[in-house]
Amino acid sequence: MDTEATQVTRGADGLDLPRSRALNERLHALVPGGAHTYAKGDDQYPEGLAPVISHGRGAHVWDVDGNRYVEYGSGLRSVSLGHAHPRVTEAVRRELDRGSNFVRPSVVEVEAAERFLTTVPTAEMVKFAKNGSDVTTAAVRLARAVTGRPRVAVCADHPFFSVDDWFIGTTPMSAGIPAAITDLTVSFPYGDLAAAEDLLTRHRDEVACLVLEPAAHTEPPPGYLSGLRELADRHGCVLVFDEMITGLRWSEAGAQGLYGVVPDLSTFGKALGNGFAVSALAGRRELMEWGGLRHSGDRVFLLSTTHGAETHSLAAAMAVQSTYVEEGVTARLHALGERLAAGVREAAASMGVGDHVVVRGRASNLVFATLDGAGRPSQPYRTLFLRQLLAGGVLAPSFVVSGALEDADIDHTVDVVAQACAVYRKALDAGDPTPWVAGRPVKPVFRRRA
């Protein structure tokens, strides 16, 4: 752990972030929403307490006001090794002086593809891009081309698949998307094979693909993923695993490597680059070649991105995969998450809020729920909880761990959680969290009105 003490600046009402507030105003004047990702918006944080980050190192970040935080969910789960990880930054530096992009493929593209397919042996071909939306939409386009079918079936219990119309049209933020596009996307609940079969029967010979995260906050029920595999085969549709989150965090080969069920196509990103922009579409050669030059059918515009082959990002991906395999990072993430989850649960229980501050998910991908006195999810109580965490030097929209965390970081986090839970208890006893919210509550990302 960094020897510099965690510090926060305090005003009369608690944590004070004058420089961050000023920069947030500048951001909103220049950038719609004040951030380039909605999940990073200041509406996701208590009013006046959305820190603007100066820099990060390991498991810590510093804001422009000079405060240091233990950080969770780094880079929306993308920074799983910690900020400025030496193996990754060294690999990137080696490429920077050699050029980043050329008019023909570089040798790095061959090496990165070989490294990826060695790490994810259930796939036979891979194509790289820059973000998850592009590769997931490419999987959908490929499935439609291969099957000749128009509909896409997505798991209704998973929050996000793509910024593109076929998915965003199904969310409350559907403005600007024609109904004709949205109507082609249907949904099924996670864990219910009968419901998935009913959907495929109702839309017989219309569904091009089933798209889902293979696992999320709960483990797949026994036989569920293999059952989906059988359903997809029987109904002639493509099975697509979105491994943006599960990739590397569940195992080096993703959830498909852990659970032993092979999809037709899968998409990776986030942890793959440890913060550098790289994503991957991987899958069976028979399907992937539809987007290539060595087949006799209609050409499919699979993926064609100017920056998908950027050398330093591919070098980062190779370094990340090597580090995971050689240093047992996935096991470390699970051990850290288990330690954190146990500590948070004990702290919440000791303060009498164990039924209200609830830790959920796989140990390597923990989230928390904030429930009101009736056990319902509550944005005001989430706001109260986040305020207390921030004041204690913990930046935690989730409890998703990175491998850079040390025991002292976990201990500090648990101590801060205990203090937050004491305030939470006071709010529950008062029957109203408002006095501890100090402004508008945080808001869900997907909502119809600003």
Protein backbone atom coordinates (compact mmCIF):
# COMPACT_ATOMS: atom_id res chain seq x y z
CA MET A 1 0.00 0.00 0.00
CA ASP A 2 1.21 3.52 -0.73
CA THR A 3 2.66 5.04 2.43
CA GLU A 4 0.99 8.41 1.86
CA ALA A 5 -2.00 8.62 4.20
CA THR A 6 -5.47 8.76 2.76
CA GLN A 7 -6.69 12.30 3.21
CA VAL A 8 -9.87 14.24 2.53
CA THR A 9 -10.51 17.97 2.59
CA ARG A 10 -13.45 18.99 4.71
CA GLY A 11 -15.68 22.02 4.75
CA ALA A 12 -18.34 22.93 7.27
CA ASP A 13 -20.67 20.19 5.93
CA GLY A 14 -18.09 17.44 5.37
CA LEU A 15 -16.00 16.59 2.30
CA ASP A 16 -15.28 19.69 0.24
CA LEU A 17 -14.27 19.49 -3.43
CA PRO A 18 -14.08 23.05 -4.77
CA ARG A 19 -11.74 22.32 -7.67
CA SER A 20 -13.70 19.24 -8.70
CA ARG A 21 -16.94 21.24 -8.65
CA ALA A 22 -15.40 23.94 -10.82
CA LEU A 23 -14.07 21.39 -13.29
CA ASN A 24 -17.43 19.63 -13.41
CA GLU A 25 -19.00 22.92 -14.46
CA ARG A 26 -16.41 23.30 -17.21
CA LEU A 27 -17.07 19.73 -18.32
CA HIS A 28 -20.82 20.28 -18.57
CA ALA A 29 -20.23 23.41 -20.65
CA LEU A 30 -18.14 21.45 -23.15
CA VAL A 31 -19.18 17.78 -22.94
CA PRO A 32 -22.83 16.63 -23.02
CA GLY A 33 -23.49 15.03 -19.64
CA GLY A 34 -20.14 16.18 -18.27
CA ALA A 35 -18.48 12.83 -19.00
CA HIS A 36 -17.81 10.53 -21.93
CA THR A 37 -19.57 7.59 -20.28
CA TYR A 38 -22.96 7.99 -18.59
CA ALA A 39 -21.89 5.74 -15.71
CA LYS A 40 -19.17 8.30 -14.87
CA GLY A 41 -21.62 11.22 -14.74
CA ASP A 42 -21.80 13.41 -11.67
CA ASP A 43 -25.47 12.40 -11.31
CA GLN A 44 -24.11 9.03 -10.14
CA TYR A 45 -22.57 10.72 -7.09
CA PRO A 46 -23.92 12.83 -4.22
CA GLU A 47 -24.50 16.45 -5.12
CA GLY A 48 -21.25 18.42 -5.02
CA LEU A 49 -19.22 15.27 -4.29
CA ALA A 50 -18.24 14.02 -7.74
CA PRO A 51 -14.44 14.06 -7.66
CA VAL A 52 -12.52 14.83 -10.85
CA ILE A 53 -9.48 12.57 -11.00
CA SER A 54 -5.94 13.85 -11.33
CA HIS A 55 -4.09 10.52 -11.50
CA GLY A 56 -4.01 6.96 -10.27
CA ARG A 57 -1.47 4.41 -9.14
CA GLY A 58 -2.20 0.86 -8.11
CA ALA A 59 -5.48 0.70 -6.21
CA HIS A 60 -5.53 4.44 -5.44
CA VAL A 61 -6.62 7.58 -7.26
CA TRP A 62 -6.12 11.24 -6.41
CA ASP A 63 -8.61 13.98 -7.20
CA VAL A 64 -7.75 17.51 -8.28
CA ASP A 65 -8.42 18.71 -4.72
CA GLY A 66 -5.57 16.54 -3.43
CA ASN A 67 -7.64 13.78 -1.84
CA ARG A 68 -6.55 10.17 -2.14
CA TYR A 69 -9.08 7.35 -2.35
CA VAL A 70 -9.04 3.58 -2.34
CA GLU A 71 -10.82 2.96 -5.65
CA TYR A 72 -13.20 0.17 -6.66
CA GLY A 73 -14.72 -0.58 -10.05
CA SER A 74 -11.74 1.15 -11.64
CA GLY A 75 -12.38 2.32 -15.19
CA LEU A 76 -15.86 0.74 -15.13
CA ARG A 77 -14.23 -2.61 -14.27
CA SER A 78 -11.54 -2.28 -16.94
CA VAL A 79 -8.52 -1.65 -14.68
CA SER A 80 -8.29 -5.01 -12.97
CA LEU A 81 -4.52 -5.07 -12.38
CA GLY A 82 -4.36 -1.56 -10.91
CA HIS A 83 -3.47 1.78 -12.43
CA ALA A 84 -0.14 2.13 -14.27
CA HIS A 85 0.67 -1.56 -13.84
CA PRO A 86 4.39 -1.89 -14.61
CA ARG A 87 4.16 -4.90 -16.95
CA VAL A 88 1.44 -3.22 -18.98
CA THR A 89 3.02 0.22 -19.14
CA GLU A 90 6.38 -1.29 -20.08
CA ALA A 91 4.79 -3.22 -22.95
CA VAL A 92 3.03 -0.08 -24.14
CA ARG A 93 6.21 2.05 -23.96
CA ARG A 94 8.08 -0.47 -26.11
CA GLU A 95 5.60 0.09 -28.93
CA LEU A 96 5.21 3.86 -28.67
CA ASP A 97 8.53 4.62 -30.33
CA ARG A 98 7.87 2.04 -33.07
CA GLY A 99 4.72 3.66 -34.46
CA SER A 100 1.11 3.09 -33.52
CA ASN A 101 -0.78 2.47 -36.78
CA PHE A 102 0.18 1.53 -40.34
CA VAL A 103 -1.36 1.07 -43.80
CA ARG A 104 -0.93 -2.73 -43.47
CA PRO A 105 -1.20 -5.14 -40.54
CA SER A 106 1.72 -5.10 -38.12
CA VAL A 107 3.42 -8.13 -36.63
CA VAL A 108 1.84 -7.15 -33.30
CA GLU A 109 -1.58 -8.07 -34.72
CA VAL A 110 -0.42 -11.63 -35.38
CA GLU A 111 1.14 -11.92 -31.92
CA ALA A 112 -1.91 -10.45 -30.19
CA ALA A 113 -4.27 -12.84 -31.99
CA GLU A 114 -2.09 -15.84 -31.12
CA ARG A 115 -1.84 -14.72 -27.50
CA PHE A 116 -5.61 -14.25 -27.24
CA LEU A 117 -6.50 -17.59 -28.82
CA THR A 118 -4.01 -19.35 -26.55
CA THR A 119 -5.67 -17.74 -23.53
CA VAL A 120 -9.21 -18.40 -24.82
CA PRO A 121 -8.81 -21.78 -26.55
CA THR A 122 -12.57 -22.21 -27.02
CA ALA A 123 -12.36 -19.59 -29.82
CA GLU A 124 -10.81 -20.25 -33.23
CA MET A 125 -10.54 -16.73 -34.68
CA VAL A 126 -10.48 -13.22 -33.21
CA LYS A 127 -10.84 -9.66 -34.45
CA PHE A 128 -9.89 -6.66 -32.32
CA ALA A 129 -11.63 -3.30 -31.96
CA LYS A 130 -11.72 -0.47 -29.44
CA ASN A 131 -14.94 -0.85 -27.42
CA GLY A 132 -17.46 -3.43 -26.38
CA SER A 133 -20.37 -1.98 -28.32
CA ASP A 134 -18.61 -2.39 -31.67
CA VAL A 135 -17.73 -6.04 -31.20
CA THR A 136 -21.11 -7.00 -29.73
CA THR A 137 -22.94 -5.28 -32.57
CA ALA A 138 -20.61 -7.06 -34.99
CA ALA A 139 -21.63 -10.37 -33.40
CA VAL A 140 -25.30 -9.48 -33.92
CA ARG A 141 -24.69 -8.46 -37.56
CA LEU A 142 -22.79 -11.67 -38.23
CA ALA A 143 -25.53 -13.79 -36.64
CA ARG A 144 -28.16 -12.10 -38.79
CA ALA A 145 -26.08 -12.66 -41.92
CA VAL A 146 -25.38 -16.32 -41.17
CA THR A 147 -28.96 -17.20 -40.23
CA GLY A 148 -30.82 -14.84 -42.54
CA ARG A 149 -33.05 -13.92 -39.59
CA PRO A 150 -33.94 -10.42 -38.33
CA ARG A 151 -34.60 -10.74 -34.58
CA VAL A 152 -32.14 -10.47 -31.71
CA ALA A 153 -32.97 -12.02 -28.33
CA VAL A 154 -31.21 -10.39 -25.37
CA CYS A 155 -31.21 -11.30 -21.70
CA ALA A 156 -33.56 -8.87 -19.96
CA ASP A 157 -31.72 -9.18 -16.63
CA HIS A 158 -28.41 -7.85 -17.93
CA PRO A 159 -28.18 -4.07 -18.05
CA PHE A 160 -26.05 -3.25 -21.07
CA PHE A 161 -24.89 -4.75 -24.36
CA SER A 162 -24.24 -1.91 -26.82
CA VAL A 163 -24.70 1.80 -27.54
CA ASP A 164 -26.20 0.85 -30.91
CA ASP A 165 -29.88 1.14 -31.80
CA TRP A 166 -30.72 -2.58 -31.64
CA PHE A 167 -30.09 -2.48 -27.87
CA ILE A 168 -30.46 1.14 -26.69
CA GLY A 169 -33.91 1.22 -28.25
CA THR A 170 -35.03 -1.24 -25.57
CA THR A 171 -33.98 1.07 -22.70
CA PRO A 172 -35.73 4.14 -21.26
CA MET A 173 -33.23 6.26 -23.26
CA SER A 174 -34.73 5.28 -26.60
CA ALA A 175 -35.19 8.81 -28.01
CA GLY A 176 -34.09 9.02 -31.65
CA ILE A 177 -34.43 5.30 -32.36
CA PRO A 178 -37.20 4.16 -34.74
CA ALA A 179 -39.66 1.62 -33.37
CA ALA A 180 -39.06 -0.53 -36.45
CA ILE A 181 -35.55 -1.23 -35.13
CA THR A 182 -36.55 -1.71 -31.49
CA ASP A 183 -39.32 -4.14 -32.44
CA LEU A 184 -36.71 -6.55 -33.79
CA THR A 185 -35.16 -7.01 -30.33
CA VAL A 186 -36.93 -9.38 -27.96
CA SER A 187 -35.90 -10.51 -24.49
CA PHE A 188 -35.79 -13.52 -22.19
CA PRO A 189 -35.14 -13.81 -18.41
CA TYR A 190 -31.88 -15.20 -17.09
CA GLY A 191 -31.89 -18.70 -15.67
CA ASP A 192 -35.25 -19.78 -17.13
CA LEU A 193 -34.77 -22.30 -19.95
CA ALA A 194 -38.50 -22.77 -20.43
CA ALA A 195 -38.94 -19.03 -21.05
CA ALA A 196 -36.12 -19.01 -23.59
CA GLU A 197 -37.62 -21.99 -25.38
CA ASP A 198 -41.05 -20.36 -25.39
CA LEU A 199 -39.55 -17.20 -26.97
CA LEU A 200 -37.80 -19.22 -29.67
CA THR A 201 -41.00 -21.14 -30.35
CA ARG A 202 -43.14 -17.98 -30.58
CA HIS A 203 -40.63 -16.42 -32.97
CA ARG A 204 -39.80 -19.64 -34.79
CA ASP A 205 -37.19 -19.18 -37.53
CA GLU A 206 -36.96 -15.43 -36.76
CA VAL A 207 -34.34 -15.23 -33.99
CA ALA A 208 -30.79 -14.83 -35.26
CA CYS A 209 -29.05 -15.01 -31.89
CA LEU A 210 -29.31 -15.27 -28.12
CA VAL A 211 -27.14 -12.60 -26.46
CA LEU A 212 -26.36 -12.71 -22.74
CA GLU A 213 -23.70 -12.41 -20.10
CA PRO A 214 -22.95 -16.03 -19.16
CA ALA A 215 -23.06 -15.00 -15.50
CA ALA A 216 -23.62 -11.81 -13.54
CA HIS A 217 -24.56 -11.27 -9.88
CA THR A 218 -25.73 -14.86 -9.52
CA GLU A 219 -24.20 -18.10 -10.69
CA PRO A 220 -25.93 -19.80 -13.63
CA PRO A 221 -28.39 -22.46 -12.45
CA PRO A 222 -27.13 -26.01 -13.01
CA GLY A 223 -27.55 -26.95 -16.65
CA TYR A 224 -28.70 -23.51 -17.74
CA LEU A 225 -25.83 -22.53 -20.05
CA SER A 226 -25.60 -26.00 -21.57
CA GLY A 227 -29.38 -25.90 -21.98
CA LEU A 228 -29.12 -22.63 -23.89
CA ARG A 229 -26.44 -24.21 -26.05
CA GLU A 230 -28.81 -27.06 -26.90
CA LEU A 231 -31.71 -24.66 -27.55
CA ALA A 232 -29.61 -22.53 -29.89
CA ASP A 233 -28.53 -25.62 -31.81
CA ARG A 234 -32.05 -26.99 -32.03
CA HIS A 235 -33.57 -23.69 -33.18
CA GLY A 236 -30.73 -22.82 -35.53
CA CYS A 237 -29.67 -19.56 -33.88
CA VAL A 238 -26.28 -18.26 -32.79
CA LEU A 239 -25.29 -18.29 -29.10
CA VAL A 240 -23.37 -15.12 -28.15
CA PHE A 241 -21.68 -14.69 -24.76
CA ASP A 242 -20.97 -11.09 -23.74
CA GLU A 243 -17.77 -11.61 -21.71
CA MET A 244 -16.99 -7.92 -21.21
CA ILE A 245 -17.12 -8.38 -17.45
CA THR A 246 -16.66 -12.13 -17.02
CA GLY A 247 -13.64 -12.22 -19.34
CA LEU A 248 -10.50 -12.70 -17.20
CA ARG A 249 -12.41 -11.99 -13.96
CA TRP A 250 -14.14 -15.41 -13.99
CA SER A 251 -11.13 -17.18 -15.47
CA GLU A 252 -8.39 -16.30 -17.92
CA ALA A 253 -10.60 -17.83 -20.63
CA GLY A 254 -13.73 -16.12 -19.36
CA ALA A 255 -16.92 -17.72 -18.10
CA GLN A 256 -16.89 -20.13 -21.04
CA GLY A 257 -13.58 -21.46 -19.77
CA LEU A 258 -14.93 -21.79 -16.22
CA TYR A 259 -18.31 -23.36 -16.98
CA GLY A 260 -17.25 -25.42 -19.98
CA VAL A 261 -19.98 -24.23 -22.36
CA VAL A 262 -18.70 -22.96 -25.72
CA PRO A 263 -20.66 -20.18 -27.44
CA ASP A 264 -20.61 -19.63 -31.19
CA LEU A 265 -19.35 -16.09 -30.67
CA SER A 266 -18.10 -14.15 -27.67
CA THR A 267 -17.03 -10.61 -26.98
CA PHE A 268 -14.29 -9.41 -24.63
CA GLY A 269 -13.10 -6.00 -23.43
CA LYS A 270 -12.73 -4.10 -20.14
CA ALA A 271 -10.07 -6.10 -18.24
CA LEU A 272 -8.46 -7.13 -21.54
CA GLY A 273 -6.50 -3.86 -21.80
CA ASN A 274 -6.25 -2.81 -18.12
CA GLY A 275 -7.64 0.58 -19.12
CA PHE A 276 -6.21 0.74 -22.64
CA ALA A 277 -8.82 0.70 -25.39
CA VAL A 278 -9.08 -2.80 -26.82
CA SER A 279 -11.94 -5.24 -27.32
CA ALA A 280 -12.32 -8.54 -29.15
CA LEU A 281 -14.88 -10.53 -31.10
CA ALA A 282 -13.98 -14.21 -31.02
CA GLY A 283 -15.65 -17.39 -32.16
CA ARG A 284 -15.94 -20.35 -34.45
CA ARG A 285 -13.96 -20.18 -37.68
CA GLU A 286 -17.01 -21.25 -39.69
CA LEU A 287 -18.84 -18.09 -38.62
CA MET A 288 -15.96 -15.64 -38.33
CA GLU A 289 -14.78 -16.34 -41.89
CA TRP A 290 -18.02 -14.79 -43.16
CA GLY A 291 -16.33 -11.49 -42.34
CA GLY A 292 -13.12 -12.46 -44.15
CA LEU A 293 -11.83 -13.03 -47.65
CA ARG A 294 -11.58 -16.82 -47.75
CA HIS A 295 -15.19 -17.85 -48.34
CA SER A 296 -17.50 -17.93 -51.33
CA GLY A 297 -20.65 -16.36 -49.85
CA ASP A 298 -21.87 -12.79 -49.52
CA ARG A 299 -19.39 -10.50 -47.80
CA VAL A 300 -20.26 -9.44 -44.26
CA PHE A 301 -19.02 -6.07 -43.01
CA LEU A 302 -17.93 -7.60 -39.74
CA LEU A 303 -15.50 -5.10 -38.21
CA SER A 304 -13.36 -2.49 -39.92
CA THR A 305 -11.97 0.03 -37.45
CA THR A 306 -9.13 2.46 -38.05
CA HIS A 307 -7.76 2.08 -34.54
CA GLY A 308 -8.56 -1.57 -33.80
CA ALA A 309 -4.98 -2.54 -34.62
CA GLU A 310 -3.31 0.24 -32.61
CA THR A 311 -0.06 -1.41 -31.60
CA HIS A 312 0.30 -0.18 -28.04
CA SER A 313 -3.24 -1.28 -27.06
CA LEU A 314 -2.64 -4.75 -28.48
CA ALA A 315 0.65 -4.86 -26.57
CA ALA A 316 -1.26 -3.94 -23.43
CA ALA A 317 -3.70 -6.80 -24.04
CA MET A 318 -0.87 -9.28 -24.46
CA ALA A 319 0.78 -8.08 -21.26
CA VAL A 320 -2.50 -8.31 -19.36
CA GLN A 321 -3.15 -11.88 -20.49
CA SER A 322 0.40 -12.96 -19.68
CA THR A 323 0.17 -11.37 -16.24
CA TYR A 324 -3.13 -13.10 -15.48
CA VAL A 325 -1.82 -16.51 -16.49
CA GLU A 326 1.65 -16.24 -14.94
CA GLU A 327 0.67 -14.50 -11.69
CA GLY A 328 -2.69 -16.13 -10.96
CA VAL A 329 -4.53 -12.81 -10.99
CA THR A 330 -8.03 -14.29 -11.23
CA ALA A 331 -7.45 -16.26 -8.02
CA ARG A 332 -6.12 -13.13 -6.34
CA LEU A 333 -9.21 -11.14 -7.37
CA HIS A 334 -11.43 -13.81 -5.87
CA ALA A 335 -9.45 -13.90 -2.62
CA LEU A 336 -9.53 -10.10 -2.27
CA GLY A 337 -13.24 -9.99 -3.05
CA GLU A 338 -14.05 -12.70 -0.54
CA ARG A 339 -12.12 -10.85 2.16
CA LEU A 340 -13.85 -7.57 1.33
CA ALA A 341 -17.33 -9.13 1.18
CA ALA A 342 -16.87 -10.84 4.54
CA GLY A 343 -15.67 -7.60 6.14
CA VAL A 344 -18.48 -5.48 4.72
CA ARG A 345 -21.14 -8.00 5.73
CA GLU A 346 -19.74 -8.20 9.24
CA ALA A 347 -19.58 -4.40 9.53
CA ALA A 348 -23.16 -4.01 8.27
CA ALA A 349 -24.44 -6.70 10.62
CA SER A 350 -22.63 -5.21 13.61
CA MET A 351 -24.36 -1.87 12.98
CA GLY A 352 -27.76 -3.49 12.56
CA VAL A 353 -28.08 -2.86 8.82
CA GLY A 354 -27.12 -6.26 7.47
CA ASP A 355 -30.47 -6.55 5.72
CA HIS A 356 -30.13 -3.09 4.16
CA VAL A 357 -26.51 -2.83 2.96
CA VAL A 358 -26.19 -6.01 0.94
CA VAL A 359 -23.13 -7.26 -0.95
CA ARG A 360 -23.91 -9.35 -4.02
CA GLY A 361 -22.11 -11.03 -6.89
CA ARG A 362 -19.10 -13.17 -7.58
CA ALA A 363 -16.14 -12.29 -5.36
CA SER A 364 -14.22 -10.81 -8.29
CA ASN A 365 -17.18 -8.64 -9.31
CA LEU A 366 -18.97 -7.43 -6.17
CA VAL A 367 -21.73 -4.85 -6.14
CA PHE A 368 -23.79 -3.55 -3.25
CA ALA A 369 -27.48 -2.83 -2.80
CA THR A 370 -28.83 -0.11 -0.50
CA LEU A 371 -32.30 -0.93 0.78
CA ASP A 372 -34.77 1.20 2.72
CA GLY A 373 -36.66 0.21 5.85
CA ALA A 374 -39.08 -1.88 3.81
CA GLY A 375 -36.28 -3.68 1.98
CA ARG A 376 -36.74 -1.81 -1.31
CA PRO A 377 -33.84 -0.47 -3.39
CA SER A 378 -33.34 3.19 -2.49
CA GLN A 379 -31.43 5.91 -4.30
CA PRO A 380 -31.54 8.25 -1.25
CA TYR A 381 -29.98 5.57 0.94
CA ARG A 382 -27.40 4.88 -1.77
CA THR A 383 -26.58 8.59 -1.72
CA LEU A 384 -26.16 8.56 2.06
CA PHE A 385 -23.87 5.54 1.83
CA LEU A 386 -21.75 7.00 -0.98
CA ARG A 387 -21.34 10.29 0.91
CA GLN A 388 -19.93 8.48 3.90
CA LEU A 389 -17.60 6.35 1.79
CA LEU A 390 -16.23 9.39 -0.03
CA ALA A 391 -15.68 11.23 3.23
CA GLY A 392 -13.65 8.25 4.43
CA GLY A 393 -11.47 8.15 1.33
CA VAL A 394 -13.23 5.28 -0.47
CA LEU A 395 -14.41 5.80 -4.06
CA ALA A 396 -16.79 2.90 -4.59
CA PRO A 397 -19.73 2.96 -6.98
CA SER A 398 -19.33 -0.82 -6.59
CA PHE A 399 -17.03 -3.12 -4.65
CA VAL A 400 -15.35 -4.54 -7.76
CA VAL A 401 -11.76 -5.23 -6.72
CA SER A 402 -8.48 -4.81 -8.57
CA GLY A 403 -5.41 -6.96 -8.09
CA ALA A 404 -3.49 -3.95 -6.76
CA LEU A 405 -5.47 -3.84 -3.50
CA GLU A 406 -3.61 -4.81 -0.37
CA ASP A 407 -4.88 -6.04 2.98
CA ALA A 408 -4.50 -2.56 4.46
CA ASP A 409 -6.76 -1.16 1.73
CA ILE A 410 -9.44 -3.74 2.51
CA ASP A 411 -9.14 -3.06 6.24
CA HIS A 412 -9.49 0.67 5.67
CA THR A 413 -12.51 0.13 3.45
CA VAL A 414 -14.23 -2.06 6.02
CA ASP A 415 -13.60 0.54 8.75
CA VAL A 416 -15.15 3.25 6.55
CA VAL A 417 -18.10 0.99 5.71
CA ALA A 418 -18.70 0.44 9.42
CA GLN A 419 -18.84 4.21 9.98
CA ALA A 420 -21.19 4.59 7.02
CA CYS A 421 -23.42 1.84 8.36
CA ALA A 422 -23.66 3.62 11.72
CA VAL A 423 -25.09 6.66 9.91
CA TYR A 424 -27.30 4.38 7.84
CA ARG A 425 -28.73 2.97 11.08
CA LYS A 426 -29.56 6.48 12.29
CA ALA A 427 -31.42 7.20 9.06
CA LEU A 428 -33.38 3.96 9.30
CA ASP A 429 -34.32 4.74 12.91
CA ALA A 430 -35.44 8.22 11.85
CA GLY A 431 -37.43 6.71 8.99
CA ASP A 432 -35.99 9.31 6.59
CA PRO A 433 -32.49 9.54 5.08
CA THR A 434 -33.02 13.11 3.81
CA PRO A 435 -30.98 14.90 6.51
CA TRP A 436 -27.95 12.78 5.56
CA VAL A 437 -28.40 13.04 1.77
CA ALA A 438 -27.63 16.79 1.60
CA GLY A 439 -28.97 17.45 -1.89
CA ARG A 440 -30.60 15.52 -4.71
CA PRO A 441 -30.25 11.73 -4.62
CA VAL A 442 -28.06 9.92 -7.10
CA LYS A 443 -29.93 8.72 -10.18
CA PRO A 444 -30.03 5.57 -12.29
CA VAL A 445 -28.18 5.81 -15.61
CA PHE A 446 -31.09 4.60 -17.70
CA ARG A 447 -33.99 7.00 -17.21
CA ARG A 448 -36.25 8.83 -19.62
CA ARG A 449 -35.83 12.36 -18.23
CA ALA A 450 -32.68 14.19 -17.17
